[in-house]
Amino acid sequence: MSPPPDTPPRSRRARGLRTAVLAGLVVVSLAVFALDRLAVEEHRRQFRAGPADPSSLRAPTVEIWLAKPLDPDSPAPEFTLPDARSGERVSLADFRGDRPVVVLLSSFG
């Protein structure tokens, strides 16, 4: 459909620009939707495959959740956790004496 002959060229350009921007937004939206679907499918595949380290999913005992205050200037109790990047077990003793250690307990989901 062509614009009426008395339409100034500037508004034809503006209309073309609006159409191009809308088309770009549609393409980006479809790409984001496709990437989201891929991420969901990858998450489902990993969930079906099971945990990489089953020992990290052991049921906690009640004693773990009880507060155990530390004396000032006493060292932190020894523990090991799986490294989020490599999956290897990492002990607090591996870092003792190097520099301060910050343990971030969080969810990746």
C-alpha atoms as a PDB file:
ATOM      1  CA  MET A   1       0.000   0.000   0.000  1.00  0.00           C
ATOM      2  CA  SER A   2       1.618   3.257  -1.079  1.00  0.00           C
ATOM      3  CA  PRO A   3       1.137   6.519   0.793  1.00  0.00           C
ATOM      4  CA  PRO A   4      -1.090   9.190  -0.712  1.00  0.00           C
ATOM      5  CA  PRO A   5       0.763  11.368  -3.249  1.00  0.00           C
ATOM      6  CA  ASP A   6       0.502  14.491  -1.070  1.00  0.00           C
ATOM      7  CA  THR A   7       2.349  12.860   1.877  1.00  0.00           C
ATOM      8  CA  PRO A   8       5.613  14.682   2.492  1.00  0.00           C
ATOM      9  CA  PRO A   9       8.766  12.540   2.091  1.00  0.00           C
ATOM     10  CA  ARG A  10       9.736  13.082   5.731  1.00  0.00           C
ATOM     11  CA  SER A  11       6.673  11.259   7.073  1.00  0.00           C
ATOM     12  CA  ARG A  12       7.277   8.386   4.650  1.00  0.00           C
ATOM     13  CA  ARG A  13      10.785   8.085   6.074  1.00  0.00           C
ATOM     14  CA  ALA A  14       9.429   8.236   9.639  1.00  0.00           C
ATOM     15  CA  ARG A  15       6.892   5.511   8.823  1.00  0.00           C
ATOM     16  CA  GLY A  16       9.663   3.367   7.336  1.00  0.00           C
ATOM     17  CA  LEU A  17      11.802   3.911  10.415  1.00  0.00           C
ATOM     18  CA  ARG A  18       8.930   2.944  12.718  1.00  0.00           C
ATOM     19  CA  THR A  19       8.359  -0.212  10.667  1.00  0.00           C
ATOM     20  CA  ALA A  20      12.055  -1.106  10.840  1.00  0.00           C
ATOM     21  CA  VAL A  21      12.154  -0.533  14.612  1.00  0.00           C
ATOM     22  CA  LEU A  22       9.049  -2.686  15.118  1.00  0.00           C
ATOM     23  CA  ALA A  23      10.508  -5.437  12.950  1.00  0.00           C
ATOM     24  CA  GLY A  24      13.736  -5.281  14.968  1.00  0.00           C
ATOM     25  CA  LEU A  25      11.825  -5.530  18.241  1.00  0.00           C
ATOM     26  CA  VAL A  26       9.930  -8.563  16.957  1.00  0.00           C
ATOM     27  CA  VAL A  27      13.182 -10.263  15.941  1.00  0.00           C
ATOM     28  CA  VAL A  28      14.821  -9.518  19.307  1.00  0.00           C
ATOM     29  CA  SER A  29      11.728 -10.732  21.184  1.00  0.00           C
ATOM     30  CA  LEU A  30      11.707 -13.989  19.233  1.00  0.00           C
ATOM     31  CA  ALA A  31      15.430 -14.472  19.896  1.00  0.00           C
ATOM     32  CA  VAL A  32      14.974 -13.878  23.646  1.00  0.00           C
ATOM     33  CA  PHE A  33      12.049 -16.308  23.703  1.00  0.00           C
ATOM     34  CA  ALA A  34      14.099 -18.958  21.867  1.00  0.00           C
ATOM     35  CA  LEU A  35      17.071 -18.515  24.234  1.00  0.00           C
ATOM     36  CA  ASP A  36      14.765 -18.774  27.240  1.00  0.00           C
ATOM     37  CA  ARG A  37      13.291 -22.007  25.885  1.00  0.00           C
ATOM     38  CA  LEU A  38      16.806 -23.389  25.359  1.00  0.00           C
ATOM     39  CA  ALA A  39      17.753 -22.500  28.937  1.00  0.00           C
ATOM     40  CA  VAL A  40      14.613 -24.179  30.298  1.00  0.00           C
ATOM     41  CA  GLU A  41      15.293 -27.336  28.276  1.00  0.00           C
ATOM     42  CA  GLU A  42      18.929 -27.422  29.443  1.00  0.00           C
ATOM     43  CA  HIS A  43      17.781 -27.038  33.050  1.00  0.00           C
ATOM     44  CA  ARG A  44      15.295 -29.918  32.600  1.00  0.00           C
ATOM     45  CA  ARG A  45      17.986 -32.088  30.988  1.00  0.00           C
ATOM     46  CA  GLN A  46      20.373 -31.478  33.885  1.00  0.00           C
ATOM     47  CA  PHE A  47      17.610 -32.152  36.408  1.00  0.00           C
ATOM     48  CA  ARG A  48      16.756 -35.483  34.751  1.00  0.00           C
ATOM     49  CA  ALA A  49      20.441 -36.447  34.668  1.00  0.00           C
ATOM     50  CA  GLY A  50      20.643 -36.096  38.447  1.00  0.00           C
ATOM     51  CA  PRO A  51      23.063 -34.217  40.662  1.00  0.00           C
ATOM     52  CA  ALA A  52      26.751 -34.166  39.764  1.00  0.00           C
ATOM     53  CA  ASP A  53      27.694 -34.795  43.387  1.00  0.00           C
ATOM     54  CA  PRO A  54      24.983 -36.769  45.239  1.00  0.00           C
ATOM     55  CA  SER A  55      26.785 -36.303  48.571  1.00  0.00           C
ATOM     56  CA  SER A  56      26.057 -32.564  48.405  1.00  0.00           C
ATOM     57  CA  LEU A  57      22.327 -33.324  48.666  1.00  0.00           C
ATOM     58  CA  ARG A  58      22.393 -35.294  51.928  1.00  0.00           C
ATOM     59  CA  ALA A  59      19.554 -34.510  54.311  1.00  0.00           C
ATOM     60  CA  PRO A  60      20.819 -32.181  57.058  1.00  0.00           C
ATOM     61  CA  THR A  61      20.666 -33.193  60.683  1.00  0.00           C
ATOM     62  CA  VAL A  62      19.031 -30.945  63.269  1.00  0.00           C
ATOM     63  CA  GLU A  63      22.375 -30.228  64.952  1.00  0.00           C
ATOM     64  CA  ILE A  64      23.590 -28.387  61.856  1.00  0.00           C
ATOM     65  CA  TRP A  65      20.884 -25.742  62.245  1.00  0.00           C
ATOM     66  CA  LEU A  66      21.428 -25.077  65.945  1.00  0.00           C
ATOM     67  CA  ALA A  67      23.351 -21.921  66.745  1.00  0.00           C
ATOM     68  CA  LYS A  68      26.890 -22.497  67.984  1.00  0.00           C
ATOM     69  CA  PRO A  69      28.375 -19.167  68.977  1.00  0.00           C
ATOM     70  CA  LEU A  70      32.138 -18.805  68.628  1.00  0.00           C
ATOM     71  CA  ASP A  71      34.446 -17.177  71.096  1.00  0.00           C
ATOM     72  CA  PRO A  72      35.985 -13.930  69.851  1.00  0.00           C
ATOM     73  CA  ASP A  73      39.320 -14.480  68.097  1.00  0.00           C
ATOM     74  CA  SER A  74      38.692 -18.218  67.769  1.00  0.00           C
ATOM     75  CA  PRO A  75      39.135 -19.839  64.340  1.00  0.00           C
ATOM     76  CA  ALA A  76      36.105 -20.900  62.357  1.00  0.00           C
ATOM     77  CA  PRO A  77      35.218 -24.596  62.588  1.00  0.00           C
ATOM     78  CA  GLU A  78      36.525 -26.828  59.803  1.00  0.00           C
ATOM     79  CA  PHE A  79      34.153 -27.700  56.952  1.00  0.00           C
ATOM     80  CA  THR A  80      34.207 -28.762  53.301  1.00  0.00           C
ATOM     81  CA  LEU A  81      31.879 -27.702  50.500  1.00  0.00           C
ATOM     82  CA  PRO A  82      31.688 -28.424  46.760  1.00  0.00           C
ATOM     83  CA  ASP A  83      33.241 -25.706  44.566  1.00  0.00           C
ATOM     84  CA  ALA A  84      30.451 -24.189  42.435  1.00  0.00           C
ATOM     85  CA  ARG A  85      32.731 -23.942  39.380  1.00  0.00           C
ATOM     86  CA  SER A  86      34.589 -27.269  39.393  1.00  0.00           C
ATOM     87  CA  GLY A  87      32.507 -29.481  41.697  1.00  0.00           C
ATOM     88  CA  GLU A  88      35.636 -30.488  43.669  1.00  0.00           C
ATOM     89  CA  ARG A  89      35.443 -30.575  47.457  1.00  0.00           C
ATOM     90  CA  VAL A  90      37.103 -27.521  49.007  1.00  0.00           C
ATOM     91  CA  SER A  91      38.083 -27.313  52.658  1.00  0.00           C
ATOM     92  CA  LEU A  92      38.347 -24.181  54.749  1.00  0.00           C
ATOM     93  CA  ALA A  93      41.869 -25.322  55.691  1.00  0.00           C
ATOM     94  CA  ASP A  94      42.883 -24.893  52.017  1.00  0.00           C
ATOM     95  CA  PHE A  95      42.561 -21.129  52.489  1.00  0.00           C
ATOM     96  CA  ARG A  96      43.640 -20.702  56.109  1.00  0.00           C
ATOM     97  CA  GLY A  97      46.451 -18.154  56.486  1.00  0.00           C
ATOM     98  CA  ASP A  98      46.246 -16.850  52.886  1.00  0.00           C
ATOM     99  CA  ARG A  99      43.736 -14.047  53.159  1.00  0.00           C
ATOM    100  CA  PRO A 100      40.222 -13.451  54.521  1.00  0.00           C
ATOM    101  CA  VAL A 101      37.605 -15.941  53.317  1.00  0.00           C
ATOM    102  CA  VAL A 102      33.999 -15.008  52.555  1.00  0.00           C
ATOM    103  CA  VAL A 103      31.528 -17.875  52.258  1.00  0.00           C
ATOM    104  CA  LEU A 104      28.498 -16.921  50.193  1.00  0.00           C
ATOM    105  CA  LEU A 105      25.566 -19.273  50.700  1.00  0.00           C
ATOM    106  CA  SER A 106      23.053 -18.525  47.979  1.00  0.00           C
ATOM    107  CA  SER A 107      20.769 -20.001  45.375  1.00  0.00           C
ATOM    108  CA  PHE A 108      21.621 -20.049  41.691  1.00  0.00           C
ATOM    109  CA  GLY A 109      18.003 -20.296  40.594  1.00  0.00           C
END
